[in-house]
PDB file of N, CA and C in Angstrom:
ATOM      1  N   UNK A   1     164.001  52.849 -73.580  1.00  0.00           N
ATOM      2  CA  UNK A   1     164.722  52.980 -72.246  1.00  0.00           C
ATOM      3  C   UNK A   1     166.231  53.956 -72.482  1.00  0.00           C
ATOM      4  N   UNK A   2     166.351  55.060 -72.160  1.00  0.00           N
ATOM      5  CA  UNK A   2     167.257  56.106 -72.407  1.00  0.00           C
ATOM      6  C   UNK A   2     168.157  55.593 -71.054  1.00  0.00           C
ATOM      7  N   UNK A   3     169.259  56.018 -71.103  1.00  0.00           N
ATOM      8  CA  UNK A   3     170.119  56.360 -70.252  1.00  0.00           C
ATOM      9  C   UNK A   3     170.988  57.555 -70.460  1.00  0.00           C
ATOM     10  N   UNK A   4     171.142  57.788 -68.745  1.00  0.00           N
ATOM     11  CA  UNK A   4     171.426  58.917 -68.274  1.00  0.00           C
ATOM     12  C   UNK A   4     173.281  59.442 -68.439  1.00  0.00           C
ATOM     13  N   UNK A   5     173.596  59.632 -68.015  1.00  0.00           N
ATOM     14  CA  UNK A   5     174.893  60.017 -67.274  1.00  0.00           C
ATOM     15  C   UNK A   5     174.510  61.021 -65.402  1.00  0.00           C
ATOM     16  N   UNK A   6     174.724  60.112 -64.540  1.00  0.00           N
ATOM     17  CA  UNK A   6     174.372  60.625 -63.530  1.00  0.00           C
ATOM     18  C   UNK A   6     175.781  61.087 -63.341  1.00  0.00           C
ATOM     19  N   UNK A   7     176.125  62.113 -63.585  1.00  0.00           N
ATOM     20  CA  UNK A   7     177.081  62.762 -63.903  1.00  0.00           C
ATOM     21  C   UNK A   7     176.592  64.706 -63.225  1.00  0.00           C
ATOM     22  N   UNK A   8     176.139  64.807 -65.228  1.00  0.00           N
ATOM     23  CA  UNK A   8     175.791  65.630 -66.263  1.00  0.00           C
ATOM     24  C   UNK A   8     174.281  65.380 -65.922  1.00  0.00           C
ATOM     25  N   UNK A   9     173.829  64.208 -66.330  1.00  0.00           N
ATOM     26  CA  UNK A   9     172.390  64.202 -66.555  1.00  0.00           C
ATOM     27  C   UNK A   9     172.429  64.115 -68.642  1.00  0.00           C
ATOM     28  N   UNK A  10     173.228  63.925 -69.040  1.00  0.00           N
ATOM     29  CA  UNK A  10     173.301  63.811 -70.892  1.00  0.00           C
ATOM     30  C   UNK A  10     172.585  62.879 -71.404  1.00  0.00           C
ATOM     31  N   UNK A  11     172.139  62.694 -72.053  1.00  0.00           N
ATOM     32  CA  UNK A  11     171.447  61.116 -73.267  1.00  0.00           C
ATOM     33  C   UNK A  11     172.692  60.562 -73.281  1.00  0.00           C
ATOM     34  N   UNK A  12     172.661  59.483 -72.526  1.00  0.00           N
ATOM     35  CA  UNK A  12     173.786  58.315 -73.530  1.00  0.00           C
ATOM     36  C   UNK A  12     173.499  57.814 -74.358  1.00  0.00           C
ATOM     37  N   UNK A  13     173.967  57.445 -75.618  1.00  0.00           N
ATOM     38  CA  UNK A  13     173.756  56.466 -76.681  1.00  0.00           C
ATOM     39  C   UNK A  13     174.286  55.170 -76.438  1.00  0.00           C
ATOM     40  N   UNK A  14     173.608  53.804 -76.371  1.00  0.00           N
ATOM     41  CA  UNK A  14     174.439  52.710 -76.046  1.00  0.00           C
ATOM     42  C   UNK A  14     175.565  52.459 -76.669  1.00  0.00           C
ATOM     43  N   UNK A  15     176.730  51.713 -75.922  1.00  0.00           N
ATOM     44  CA  UNK A  15     177.858  51.663 -76.174  1.00  0.00           C
ATOM     45  C   UNK A  15     179.079  52.355 -75.986  1.00  0.00           C
ATOM     46  N   UNK A  16     178.247  53.172 -75.521  1.00  0.00           N
ATOM     47  CA  UNK A  16     179.262  54.594 -74.859  1.00  0.00           C
ATOM     48  C   UNK A  16     180.490  53.840 -74.213  1.00  0.00           C
ATOM     49  N   UNK A  17     181.235  54.465 -73.119  1.00  0.00           N
ATOM     50  CA  UNK A  17     182.645  54.164 -72.642  1.00  0.00           C
ATOM     51  C   UNK A  17     182.387  55.793 -71.145  1.00  0.00           C
ATOM     52  N   UNK A  18     182.242  56.684 -72.684  1.00  0.00           N
ATOM     53  CA  UNK A  18     182.461  57.854 -71.666  1.00  0.00           C
ATOM     54  C   UNK A  18     181.011  58.829 -71.636  1.00  0.00           C
ATOM     55  N   UNK A  19     180.453  59.751 -70.901  1.00  0.00           N
ATOM     56  CA  UNK A  19     180.122  60.319 -71.150  1.00  0.00           C
ATOM     57  C   UNK A  19     180.233  62.336 -72.516  1.00  0.00           C
ATOM     58  N   UNK A  20     180.259  62.184 -73.456  1.00  0.00           N
ATOM     59  CA  UNK A  20     181.019  63.444 -74.884  1.00  0.00           C
ATOM     60  C   UNK A  20     180.143  64.245 -74.246  1.00  0.00           C
ATOM     61  N   UNK A  21     179.897  64.724 -72.987  1.00  0.00           N
ATOM     62  CA  UNK A  21     179.522  65.974 -72.576  1.00  0.00           C
ATOM     63  C   UNK A  21     180.402  66.050 -71.660  1.00  0.00           C
ATOM     64  N   UNK A  22     180.613  66.166 -70.399  1.00  0.00           N
ATOM     65  CA  UNK A  22     181.655  65.563 -69.508  1.00  0.00           C
ATOM     66  C   UNK A  22     183.026  64.895 -69.540  1.00  0.00           C
ATOM     67  N   UNK A  23     182.781  63.908 -70.089  1.00  0.00           N
ATOM     68  CA  UNK A  23     183.749  63.279 -70.039  1.00  0.00           C
ATOM     69  C   UNK A  23     183.380  62.231 -68.547  1.00  0.00           C
ATOM     70  N   UNK A  24     182.740  62.439 -68.156  1.00  0.00           N
ATOM     71  CA  UNK A  24     181.864  60.763 -66.813  1.00  0.00           C
ATOM     72  C   UNK A  24     182.300  59.941 -67.368  1.00  0.00           C
ATOM     73  N   UNK A  25     183.479  58.801 -66.805  1.00  0.00           N
ATOM     74  CA  UNK A  25     183.365  57.672 -67.284  1.00  0.00           C
ATOM     75  C   UNK A  25     182.378  56.758 -66.816  1.00  0.00           C
ATOM     76  N   UNK A  26     181.639  55.903 -67.725  1.00  0.00           N
ATOM     77  CA  UNK A  26     180.618  55.330 -67.319  1.00  0.00           C
ATOM     78  C   UNK A  26     180.793  54.008 -66.096  1.00  0.00           C
ATOM     79  N   UNK A  27     179.501  53.799 -65.753  1.00  0.00           N
ATOM     80  CA  UNK A  27     179.860  52.551 -64.686  1.00  0.00           C
ATOM     81  C   UNK A  27     177.590  51.574 -64.660  1.00  0.00           C
ATOM     82  N   UNK A  28     178.246  51.133 -65.496  1.00  0.00           N
ATOM     83  CA  UNK A  28     176.769  49.863 -65.941  1.00  0.00           C
ATOM     84  C   UNK A  28     177.209  48.409 -65.020  1.00  0.00           C
ATOM     85  N   UNK A  29     176.582  47.811 -64.743  1.00  0.00           N
ATOM     86  CA  UNK A  29     176.442  46.753 -64.824  1.00  0.00           C
ATOM     87  C   UNK A  29     175.290  46.182 -65.102  1.00  0.00           C
ATOM     88  N   UNK A  30     175.852  44.255 -65.851  1.00  0.00           N
ATOM     89  CA  UNK A  30     175.238  43.883 -66.449  1.00  0.00           C
ATOM     90  C   UNK A  30     173.962  43.645 -65.616  1.00  0.00           C
ATOM     91  N   UNK A  31     172.470  43.347 -66.582  1.00  0.00           N
ATOM     92  CA  UNK A  31     171.540  42.649 -65.436  1.00  0.00           C
ATOM     93  C   UNK A  31     171.990  41.490 -65.183  1.00  0.00           C
ATOM     94  N   UNK A  32     171.407  41.145 -64.025  1.00  0.00           N
ATOM     95  CA  UNK A  32     171.771  39.981 -63.755  1.00  0.00           C
ATOM     96  C   UNK A  32     170.122  38.999 -64.187  1.00  0.00           C
ATOM     97  N   UNK A  33     169.638  38.198 -64.664  1.00  0.00           N
ATOM     98  CA  UNK A  33     169.066  37.287 -65.615  1.00  0.00           C
ATOM     99  C   UNK A  33     167.903  36.580 -64.462  1.00  0.00           C
ATOM    100  N   UNK A  34     166.493  36.714 -64.969  1.00  0.00           N
ATOM    101  CA  UNK A  34     165.692  36.620 -63.622  1.00  0.00           C
ATOM    102  C   UNK A  34     165.298  35.559 -63.677  1.00  0.00           C
ATOM    103  N   UNK A  35     164.938  34.567 -62.509  1.00  0.00           N
ATOM    104  CA  UNK A  35     164.081  33.291 -62.827  1.00  0.00           C
ATOM    105  C   UNK A  35     162.801  33.143 -63.153  1.00  0.00           C
ATOM    106  N   UNK A  36     162.714  32.187 -64.329  1.00  0.00           N
ATOM    107  CA  UNK A  36     161.550  32.383 -64.436  1.00  0.00           C
ATOM    108  C   UNK A  36     160.522  31.374 -63.754  1.00  0.00           C
ATOM    109  N   UNK A  37     159.461  32.560 -63.047  1.00  0.00           N
ATOM    110  CA  UNK A  37     158.549  32.295 -62.530  1.00  0.00           C
ATOM    111  C   UNK A  37     157.557  31.185 -62.850  1.00  0.00           C
ATOM    112  N   UNK A  38     157.068  29.968 -62.368  1.00  0.00           N
ATOM    113  CA  UNK A  38     155.761  29.116 -62.474  1.00  0.00           C
ATOM    114  C   UNK A  38     154.675  29.908 -62.438  1.00  0.00           C
ATOM    115  N   UNK A  39     154.037  29.610 -63.661  1.00  0.00           N
ATOM    116  CA  UNK A  39     152.580  30.210 -64.387  1.00  0.00           C
ATOM    117  C   UNK A  39     151.947  30.362 -62.613  1.00  0.00           C
ATOM    118  N   UNK A  40     151.907  28.670 -62.373  1.00  0.00           N
ATOM    119  CA  UNK A  40     150.930  28.952 -61.078  1.00  0.00           C
ATOM    120  C   UNK A  40     150.566  29.732 -60.083  1.00  0.00           C
ATOM    121  N   UNK A  41     152.377  30.432 -59.769  1.00  0.00           N
ATOM    122  CA  UNK A  41     152.563  31.132 -58.863  1.00  0.00           C
ATOM    123  C   UNK A  41     151.816  32.834 -58.292  1.00  0.00           C
ATOM    124  N   UNK A  42     152.532  32.714 -60.207  1.00  0.00           N
ATOM    125  CA  UNK A  42     152.496  33.760 -60.880  1.00  0.00           C
ATOM    126  C   UNK A  42     150.949  34.853 -60.698  1.00  0.00           C
ATOM    127  N   UNK A  43     149.741  33.553 -61.469  1.00  0.00           N
ATOM    128  CA  UNK A  43     148.578  33.782 -60.916  1.00  0.00           C
ATOM    129  C   UNK A  43     148.582  33.810 -59.616  1.00  0.00           C
ATOM    130  N   UNK A  44     148.715  32.958 -58.805  1.00  0.00           N
ATOM    131  CA  UNK A  44     148.706  33.427 -57.151  1.00  0.00           C
ATOM    132  C   UNK A  44     149.034  34.651 -56.900  1.00  0.00           C
ATOM    133  N   UNK A  45     150.397  34.997 -57.213  1.00  0.00           N
ATOM    134  CA  UNK A  45     150.612  36.526 -56.835  1.00  0.00           C
ATOM    135  C   UNK A  45     149.861  38.328 -57.184  1.00  0.00           C
ATOM    136  N   UNK A  46     149.591  37.436 -58.448  1.00  0.00           N
ATOM    137  CA  UNK A  46     148.569  39.066 -59.311  1.00  0.00           C
ATOM    138  C   UNK A  46     147.208  38.625 -58.299  1.00  0.00           C
ATOM    139  N   UNK A  47     146.386  37.438 -57.927  1.00  0.00           N
ATOM    140  CA  UNK A  47     144.886  36.955 -57.553  1.00  0.00           C
ATOM    141  C   UNK A  47     145.152  38.439 -55.816  1.00  0.00           C
ATOM    142  N   UNK A  48     146.399  37.068 -54.897  1.00  0.00           N
ATOM    143  CA  UNK A  48     146.656  38.326 -53.891  1.00  0.00           C
ATOM    144  C   UNK A  48     146.934  40.162 -54.797  1.00  0.00           C
ATOM    145  N   UNK A  49     147.138  40.479 -55.186  1.00  0.00           N
ATOM    146  CA  UNK A  49     147.603  41.882 -56.031  1.00  0.00           C
ATOM    147  C   UNK A  49     146.143  41.755 -55.763  1.00  0.00           C
ATOM    148  N   UNK A  50     145.238  41.913 -56.878  1.00  0.00           N
ATOM    149  CA  UNK A  50     143.907  42.051 -57.027  1.00  0.00           C
ATOM    150  C   UNK A  50     143.009  42.098 -55.555  1.00  0.00           C
ATOM    151  N   UNK A  51     143.322  41.062 -54.840  1.00  0.00           N
ATOM    152  CA  UNK A  51     142.651  41.251 -53.850  1.00  0.00           C
ATOM    153  C   UNK A  51     143.199  42.043 -52.563  1.00  0.00           C
ATOM    154  N   UNK A  52     144.156  42.700 -52.255  1.00  0.00           N
ATOM    155  CA  UNK A  52     144.741  43.857 -52.130  1.00  0.00           C
ATOM    156  C   UNK A  52     144.276  45.347 -52.594  1.00  0.00           C
ATOM    157  N   UNK A  53     144.312  45.552 -53.546  1.00  0.00           N
ATOM    158  CA  UNK A  53     143.850  46.458 -54.357  1.00  0.00           C
ATOM    159  C   UNK A  53     142.192  46.831 -54.442  1.00  0.00           C
ATOM    160  N   UNK A  54     141.316  45.701 -54.409  1.00  0.00           N
ATOM    161  CA  UNK A  54     140.322  45.312 -54.285  1.00  0.00           C
ATOM    162  C   UNK A  54     140.250  46.237 -52.750  1.00  0.00           C
ATOM    163  N   UNK A  55     140.327  45.607 -51.170  1.00  0.00           N
ATOM    164  CA  UNK A  55     140.245  46.177 -49.671  1.00  0.00           C
ATOM    165  C   UNK A  55     140.660  47.337 -49.915  1.00  0.00           C
ATOM    166  N   UNK A  56     141.705  47.505 -50.522  1.00  0.00           N
ATOM    167  CA  UNK A  56     142.461  49.291 -50.005  1.00  0.00           C
ATOM    168  C   UNK A  56     141.276  50.151 -51.582  1.00  0.00           C
ATOM    169  N   UNK A  57     140.531  50.112 -52.595  1.00  0.00           N
ATOM    170  CA  UNK A  57     139.922  51.097 -53.549  1.00  0.00           C
ATOM    171  C   UNK A  57     138.780  50.230 -51.805  1.00  0.00           C
ATOM    172  N   UNK A  58     138.250  49.984 -50.921  1.00  0.00           N
ATOM    173  CA  UNK A  58     137.303  49.624 -50.473  1.00  0.00           C
ATOM    174  C   UNK A  58     137.391  50.657 -48.831  1.00  0.00           C
ATOM    175  N   UNK A  59     138.558  50.729 -48.828  1.00  0.00           N
ATOM    176  CA  UNK A  59     139.129  52.370 -47.755  1.00  0.00           C
ATOM    177  C   UNK A  59     139.182  53.774 -48.258  1.00  0.00           C
ATOM    178  N   UNK A  60     138.402  54.133 -49.296  1.00  0.00           N
ATOM    179  CA  UNK A  60     138.581  54.981 -50.031  1.00  0.00           C
ATOM    180  C   UNK A  60     140.253  55.016 -50.013  1.00  0.00           C
ATOM    181  N   UNK A  61     141.089  54.388 -50.720  1.00  0.00           N
ATOM    182  CA  UNK A  61     142.264  55.159 -50.845  1.00  0.00           C
ATOM    183  C   UNK A  61     142.621  56.006 -51.725  1.00  0.00           C
ATOM    184  N   UNK A  62     143.329  56.969 -52.172  1.00  0.00           N
ATOM    185  CA  UNK A  62     143.757  57.479 -53.002  1.00  0.00           C
ATOM    186  C   UNK A  62     144.990  56.484 -53.942  1.00  0.00           C
ATOM    187  N   UNK A  63     145.053  57.023 -55.087  1.00  0.00           N
ATOM    188  CA  UNK A  63     145.754  56.422 -55.928  1.00  0.00           C
ATOM    189  C   UNK A  63     146.939  57.288 -55.889  1.00  0.00           C
ATOM    190  N   UNK A  64     147.904  56.872 -55.420  1.00  0.00           N
ATOM    191  CA  UNK A  64     149.055  57.681 -55.842  1.00  0.00           C
ATOM    192  C   UNK A  64     150.072  57.874 -57.503  1.00  0.00           C
TER     193      UNK A  64
END
């Protein structure tokens, strides 16, 4: 995943504290660790999403 400067849009390398192009200080927040999901809960969610997709396709919905 490429990281871009929020000020000028320049592509940045990991480990830099400021943009080499415009000098803007980078404001990067560490990601929060996701809670592990139980397999049964995951599969229930997948089933619900498949049913919703099936229902939407039945109504001639267009993919966006």
